Amino acid sequence: MGAISAGLAAAFAAIAAGFGNSIVISHTIDAMARQPEIVGDLRTTMFIGVGLIEAVPILAIVVSFLVMNK
């Protein structure tokens, strides 16, 4: 049962991260199209946001490994 829950946690975290990344990137592209003069600032902010979003599946994998080892 632990292996199934660990796999589900990792899968849902990966799906949620992909969905979150797509929203952040699409809104950043929209903002770049509207205000091309602040492209550098938007890109930097986007990369920080994507990095924070990608931390969630990494933490989910760590928790999944901990659940499987109990």
Protein backbone atom coordinates (compact mmCIF):
# COMPACT_ATOMS: atom_id res chain seq x y z
CA MET A 1 0.00 0.00 0.00
CA GLY A 2 2.91 2.34 0.70
CA ALA A 3 4.32 1.88 -2.80
CA ILE A 4 0.99 2.72 -4.41
CA SER A 5 0.53 5.85 -2.33
CA ALA A 6 4.12 6.90 -3.01
CA GLY A 7 3.60 6.47 -6.74
CA LEU A 8 0.34 8.39 -6.68
CA ALA A 9 1.89 11.24 -4.72
CA ALA A 10 4.76 11.53 -7.17
CA ALA A 11 2.45 11.32 -10.18
CA PHE A 12 0.02 13.95 -8.92
CA ALA A 13 2.88 16.26 -7.97
CA ALA A 14 4.37 15.94 -11.45
CA ILE A 15 1.01 16.63 -13.10
CA ALA A 16 0.38 19.65 -10.87
CA ALA A 17 3.86 21.03 -11.56
CA GLY A 18 3.34 20.69 -15.30
CA PHE A 19 0.01 22.49 -15.04
CA GLY A 20 1.53 25.24 -12.89
CA ASN A 21 4.47 25.70 -15.22
CA SER A 22 2.18 25.99 -18.23
CA ILE A 23 0.14 28.72 -16.52
CA VAL A 24 3.21 30.69 -15.43
CA ILE A 25 4.87 30.49 -18.84
CA SER A 26 1.72 31.34 -20.80
CA HIS A 27 1.01 34.39 -18.64
CA THR A 28 4.62 35.50 -18.95
CA ILE A 29 4.45 35.26 -22.74
CA ASP A 30 1.22 37.28 -22.70
CA ALA A 31 2.87 39.95 -20.56
CA MET A 32 5.92 40.01 -22.86
CA ALA A 33 3.66 40.55 -25.84
CA ARG A 34 1.89 43.44 -24.11
CA GLN A 35 5.00 45.13 -22.70
CA PRO A 36 8.13 44.21 -24.65
CA GLU A 37 10.25 46.77 -22.81
CA ILE A 38 10.28 44.71 -19.59
CA VAL A 39 11.09 41.34 -21.14
CA GLY A 40 14.25 40.89 -19.05
CA ASP A 41 12.48 41.43 -15.75
CA LEU A 42 9.61 39.17 -16.73
CA ARG A 43 11.96 36.40 -17.83
CA THR A 44 13.87 36.56 -14.55
CA THR A 45 10.67 36.44 -12.53
CA MET A 46 9.38 33.56 -14.65
CA PHE A 47 12.51 31.49 -14.06
CA ILE A 48 12.26 32.07 -10.32
CA GLY A 49 8.60 31.02 -10.36
CA VAL A 50 9.26 27.94 -12.45
CA GLY A 51 12.09 26.96 -10.14
CA LEU A 52 9.85 27.23 -7.11
CA ILE A 53 7.13 25.24 -8.85
CA GLU A 54 9.62 22.51 -9.78
CA ALA A 55 10.66 22.19 -6.13
CA VAL A 56 7.26 20.67 -5.30
CA PRO A 57 7.68 17.42 -7.30
CA ILE A 58 11.21 17.04 -5.98
CA LEU A 59 9.90 17.24 -2.43
CA ALA A 60 7.11 14.82 -3.35
CA ILE A 61 9.67 12.30 -4.59
CA VAL A 62 11.60 12.62 -1.32
CA VAL A 63 8.42 12.09 0.70
CA SER A 64 7.52 9.14 -1.53
CA PHE A 65 10.88 7.52 -0.85
CA LEU A 66 10.39 8.07 2.87
CA VAL A 67 6.93 6.50 2.74
CA MET A 68 8.24 3.50 0.82
CA ASN A 69 11.04 2.89 3.34
CA LYS A 70 8.69 2.68 6.34
